[in-house]
């Protein structure tokens, strides 16, 4: 397979799998620590409740963003034909762009937005790229 195409597919696979991890952890967080009075389908509900929440309610969103990015970057780096670290970082950048967009759409405390954007995306993309590159790839084409 053409290495460029393989790298593009690796990044797409990483973003998809990382996104599934992200969504799964967000859903798990809603089940394990439901926010009283929050309608997850109503953005105005988020806006009204988020400023009043304790720190514990932000644990699962942070873990979802960090672990989703990490898993996505590992997958991309592991599947990439070459430039494995770059492919992991590209996944981190895509997730960072999503996090920036989400910070405009979903109201959250400033401390959480800063911590999330600084700690969850590029560092996890880097770590995932490093881990994925060191694992190598067993998939051949």
C-alpha atoms as a PDB file:
ATOM      1  CA  UNK A   1       0.000   0.000   0.000  1.00  0.00           C
ATOM      2  CA  UNK A   2       1.143   3.524  -0.738  1.00  0.00           C
ATOM      3  CA  UNK A   3       2.775   4.906   2.479  1.00  0.00           C
ATOM      4  CA  UNK A   4       0.929   8.237   2.245  1.00  0.00           C
ATOM      5  CA  UNK A   5      -2.423   6.489   1.932  1.00  0.00           C
ATOM      6  CA  UNK A   6      -1.501   4.152   4.783  1.00  0.00           C
ATOM      7  CA  UNK A   7      -0.608   7.128   6.989  1.00  0.00           C
ATOM      8  CA  UNK A   8      -3.872   8.907   6.154  1.00  0.00           C
ATOM      9  CA  UNK A   9      -5.850   5.761   6.979  1.00  0.00           C
ATOM     10  CA  UNK A  10      -3.852   5.337  10.199  1.00  0.00           C
ATOM     11  CA  UNK A  11      -4.803   8.859  11.326  1.00  0.00           C
ATOM     12  CA  UNK A  12      -8.453   8.297  10.394  1.00  0.00           C
ATOM     13  CA  UNK A  13      -8.482   4.997  12.316  1.00  0.00           C
ATOM     14  CA  UNK A  14      -6.824   6.676  15.298  1.00  0.00           C
ATOM     15  CA  UNK A  15      -9.357   9.514  15.313  1.00  0.00           C
ATOM     16  CA  UNK A  16     -12.299   7.117  15.034  1.00  0.00           C
ATOM     17  CA  UNK A  17     -11.095   4.759  17.758  1.00  0.00           C
ATOM     18  CA  UNK A  18     -10.048   7.618  20.016  1.00  0.00           C
ATOM     19  CA  UNK A  19     -13.438   9.233  19.494  1.00  0.00           C
ATOM     20  CA  UNK A  20     -15.175   6.011  20.494  1.00  0.00           C
ATOM     21  CA  UNK A  21     -13.075   5.846  23.683  1.00  0.00           C
ATOM     22  CA  UNK A  22     -13.919   9.499  24.379  1.00  0.00           C
ATOM     23  CA  UNK A  23     -17.662   8.973  23.928  1.00  0.00           C
ATOM     24  CA  UNK A  24     -17.601   5.756  25.955  1.00  0.00           C
ATOM     25  CA  UNK A  25     -15.912   7.446  28.909  1.00  0.00           C
ATOM     26  CA  UNK A  26     -18.262  10.432  28.778  1.00  0.00           C
ATOM     27  CA  UNK A  27     -21.247   8.036  28.823  1.00  0.00           C
ATOM     28  CA  UNK A  28     -19.689   6.048  31.680  1.00  0.00           C
ATOM     29  CA  UNK A  29     -19.141   9.260  33.623  1.00  0.00           C
ATOM     30  CA  UNK A  30     -22.799  10.237  33.203  1.00  0.00           C
ATOM     31  CA  UNK A  31     -23.828   6.812  34.551  1.00  0.00           C
ATOM     32  CA  UNK A  32     -21.387   6.637  37.476  1.00  0.00           C
ATOM     33  CA  UNK A  33     -21.655  10.283  38.539  1.00  0.00           C
ATOM     34  CA  UNK A  34     -24.883  11.728  37.188  1.00  0.00           C
ATOM     35  CA  UNK A  35     -25.103  15.494  37.481  1.00  0.00           C
ATOM     36  CA  UNK A  36     -28.297  16.382  39.353  1.00  0.00           C
ATOM     37  CA  UNK A  37     -30.664  18.353  37.124  1.00  0.00           C
ATOM     38  CA  UNK A  38     -28.557  18.061  33.953  1.00  0.00           C
ATOM     39  CA  UNK A  39     -30.320  17.316  30.696  1.00  0.00           C
ATOM     40  CA  UNK A  40     -27.451  16.055  28.518  1.00  0.00           C
ATOM     41  CA  UNK A  41     -29.414  16.952  25.381  1.00  0.00           C
ATOM     42  CA  UNK A  42     -29.898  20.611  26.345  1.00  0.00           C
ATOM     43  CA  UNK A  43     -27.007  23.092  26.053  1.00  0.00           C
ATOM     44  CA  UNK A  44     -28.837  25.616  28.245  1.00  0.00           C
ATOM     45  CA  UNK A  45     -28.908  22.994  30.994  1.00  0.00           C
ATOM     46  CA  UNK A  46     -25.106  22.719  30.773  1.00  0.00           C
ATOM     47  CA  UNK A  47     -24.763  26.505  30.883  1.00  0.00           C
ATOM     48  CA  UNK A  48     -26.898  26.742  34.020  1.00  0.00           C
ATOM     49  CA  UNK A  49     -25.361  23.836  35.942  1.00  0.00           C
ATOM     50  CA  UNK A  50     -21.654  23.652  34.994  1.00  0.00           C
ATOM     51  CA  UNK A  51     -20.526  26.750  36.940  1.00  0.00           C
ATOM     52  CA  UNK A  52     -21.968  25.227  40.134  1.00  0.00           C
ATOM     53  CA  UNK A  53     -20.335  21.780  39.851  1.00  0.00           C
ATOM     54  CA  UNK A  54     -17.630  20.304  42.080  1.00  0.00           C
ATOM     55  CA  UNK A  55     -14.282  19.277  40.610  1.00  0.00           C
ATOM     56  CA  UNK A  56     -15.245  15.576  40.711  1.00  0.00           C
ATOM     57  CA  UNK A  57     -17.735  16.082  37.880  1.00  0.00           C
ATOM     58  CA  UNK A  58     -14.917  17.140  35.562  1.00  0.00           C
ATOM     59  CA  UNK A  59     -12.835  13.996  36.125  1.00  0.00           C
ATOM     60  CA  UNK A  60     -14.540  11.859  33.474  1.00  0.00           C
ATOM     61  CA  UNK A  61     -14.562  14.572  30.795  1.00  0.00           C
ATOM     62  CA  UNK A  62     -10.834  15.109  31.329  1.00  0.00           C
ATOM     63  CA  UNK A  63     -10.119  11.371  31.303  1.00  0.00           C
ATOM     64  CA  UNK A  64     -12.264  10.960  28.185  1.00  0.00           C
ATOM     65  CA  UNK A  65     -10.325  13.645  26.347  1.00  0.00           C
ATOM     66  CA  UNK A  66      -6.900  12.476  27.524  1.00  0.00           C
ATOM     67  CA  UNK A  67      -7.438   8.721  27.084  1.00  0.00           C
ATOM     68  CA  UNK A  68      -9.325   9.134  23.815  1.00  0.00           C
ATOM     69  CA  UNK A  69      -6.407  11.126  22.434  1.00  0.00           C
ATOM     70  CA  UNK A  70      -3.854   8.670  23.844  1.00  0.00           C
ATOM     71  CA  UNK A  71      -5.549   5.596  22.367  1.00  0.00           C
ATOM     72  CA  UNK A  72      -6.106   7.356  19.037  1.00  0.00           C
ATOM     73  CA  UNK A  73      -2.464   8.405  18.839  1.00  0.00           C
ATOM     74  CA  UNK A  74      -1.246   4.902  19.722  1.00  0.00           C
ATOM     75  CA  UNK A  75      -3.427   3.409  16.987  1.00  0.00           C
ATOM     76  CA  UNK A  76      -2.291   5.966  14.401  1.00  0.00           C
ATOM     77  CA  UNK A  77       1.382   5.534  15.247  1.00  0.00           C
ATOM     78  CA  UNK A  78       1.135   1.786  15.292  1.00  0.00           C
ATOM     79  CA  UNK A  79      -0.617   1.584  11.920  1.00  0.00           C
ATOM     80  CA  UNK A  80       1.409   4.290  10.151  1.00  0.00           C
ATOM     81  CA  UNK A  81       3.841   3.328   7.411  1.00  0.00           C
ATOM     82  CA  UNK A  82       6.431   5.880   8.567  1.00  0.00           C
ATOM     83  CA  UNK A  83       6.648   9.117  10.566  1.00  0.00           C
ATOM     84  CA  UNK A  84       4.860   7.304  13.375  1.00  0.00           C
ATOM     85  CA  UNK A  85       5.355  10.062  15.956  1.00  0.00           C
ATOM     86  CA  UNK A  86       3.984  12.640  13.514  1.00  0.00           C
ATOM     87  CA  UNK A  87       0.870  10.548  12.946  1.00  0.00           C
ATOM     88  CA  UNK A  88       0.275  10.346  16.713  1.00  0.00           C
ATOM     89  CA  UNK A  89       0.742  14.105  17.020  1.00  0.00           C
ATOM     90  CA  UNK A  90      -1.634  14.728  14.113  1.00  0.00           C
ATOM     91  CA  UNK A  91      -4.307  12.816  16.040  1.00  0.00           C
ATOM     92  CA  UNK A  92      -3.470  14.984  19.065  1.00  0.00           C
ATOM     93  CA  UNK A  93      -3.925  18.128  16.948  1.00  0.00           C
ATOM     94  CA  UNK A  94      -7.297  16.936  15.625  1.00  0.00           C
ATOM     95  CA  UNK A  95      -8.463  16.238  19.166  1.00  0.00           C
ATOM     96  CA  UNK A  96      -7.103  19.625  20.296  1.00  0.00           C
ATOM     97  CA  UNK A  97      -9.136  21.351  17.579  1.00  0.00           C
ATOM     98  CA  UNK A  98     -12.193  19.457  18.791  1.00  0.00           C
ATOM     99  CA  UNK A  99     -11.439  20.489  22.369  1.00  0.00           C
ATOM    100  CA  UNK A 100     -11.121  24.139  21.366  1.00  0.00           C
ATOM    101  CA  UNK A 101     -14.439  23.954  19.517  1.00  0.00           C
ATOM    102  CA  UNK A 102     -16.083  22.233  22.492  1.00  0.00           C
ATOM    103  CA  UNK A 103     -14.788  24.920  24.863  1.00  0.00           C
ATOM    104  CA  UNK A 104     -16.792  27.471  22.874  1.00  0.00           C
ATOM    105  CA  UNK A 105     -19.919  25.314  22.680  1.00  0.00           C
ATOM    106  CA  UNK A 106     -20.038  23.766  26.162  1.00  0.00           C
ATOM    107  CA  UNK A 107     -19.657  26.201  29.045  1.00  0.00           C
ATOM    108  CA  UNK A 108     -17.116  25.046  31.624  1.00  0.00           C
ATOM    109  CA  UNK A 109     -14.987  26.708  34.284  1.00  0.00           C
ATOM    110  CA  UNK A 110     -11.871  28.429  32.964  1.00  0.00           C
ATOM    111  CA  UNK A 111      -9.582  26.230  35.076  1.00  0.00           C
ATOM    112  CA  UNK A 112     -11.018  23.115  33.405  1.00  0.00           C
ATOM    113  CA  UNK A 113     -10.754  24.515  29.885  1.00  0.00           C
ATOM    114  CA  UNK A 114      -7.110  25.497  30.433  1.00  0.00           C
ATOM    115  CA  UNK A 115      -6.177  22.183  32.062  1.00  0.00           C
ATOM    116  CA  UNK A 116      -8.000  20.230  29.371  1.00  0.00           C
ATOM    117  CA  UNK A 117      -6.471  22.076  26.419  1.00  0.00           C
ATOM    118  CA  UNK A 118      -2.953  22.095  27.884  1.00  0.00           C
ATOM    119  CA  UNK A 119      -2.754  18.585  29.368  1.00  0.00           C
ATOM    120  CA  UNK A 120      -5.154  16.322  27.479  1.00  0.00           C
ATOM    121  CA  UNK A 121      -4.352  16.682  23.798  1.00  0.00           C
ATOM    122  CA  UNK A 122      -0.813  17.396  22.616  1.00  0.00           C
ATOM    123  CA  UNK A 123       0.910  15.663  25.567  1.00  0.00           C
ATOM    124  CA  UNK A 124      -1.267  12.566  25.065  1.00  0.00           C
ATOM    125  CA  UNK A 125      -0.715  12.715  21.288  1.00  0.00           C
ATOM    126  CA  UNK A 126       3.033  12.806  21.939  1.00  0.00           C
ATOM    127  CA  UNK A 127       2.893   9.964  24.478  1.00  0.00           C
ATOM    128  CA  UNK A 128       0.646   7.903  22.207  1.00  0.00           C
ATOM    129  CA  UNK A 129       2.966   8.514  19.254  1.00  0.00           C
ATOM    130  CA  UNK A 130       5.925   7.403  21.349  1.00  0.00           C
ATOM    131  CA  UNK A 131       4.159   4.297  22.660  1.00  0.00           C
ATOM    132  CA  UNK A 132       2.709   3.354  19.269  1.00  0.00           C
ATOM    133  CA  UNK A 133       6.043   3.799  17.514  1.00  0.00           C
ATOM    134  CA  UNK A 134       7.814   1.635  20.087  1.00  0.00           C
ATOM    135  CA  UNK A 135       5.209  -1.126  19.683  1.00  0.00           C
ATOM    136  CA  UNK A 136       5.801  -1.319  15.959  1.00  0.00           C
ATOM    137  CA  UNK A 137       3.238  -2.621  13.536  1.00  0.00           C
ATOM    138  CA  UNK A 138       2.276  -6.202  12.882  1.00  0.00           C
ATOM    139  CA  UNK A 139       0.040  -5.183  10.025  1.00  0.00           C
ATOM    140  CA  UNK A 140       1.672  -5.507   6.639  1.00  0.00           C
ATOM    141  CA  UNK A 141       0.356  -4.551   3.276  1.00  0.00           C
END
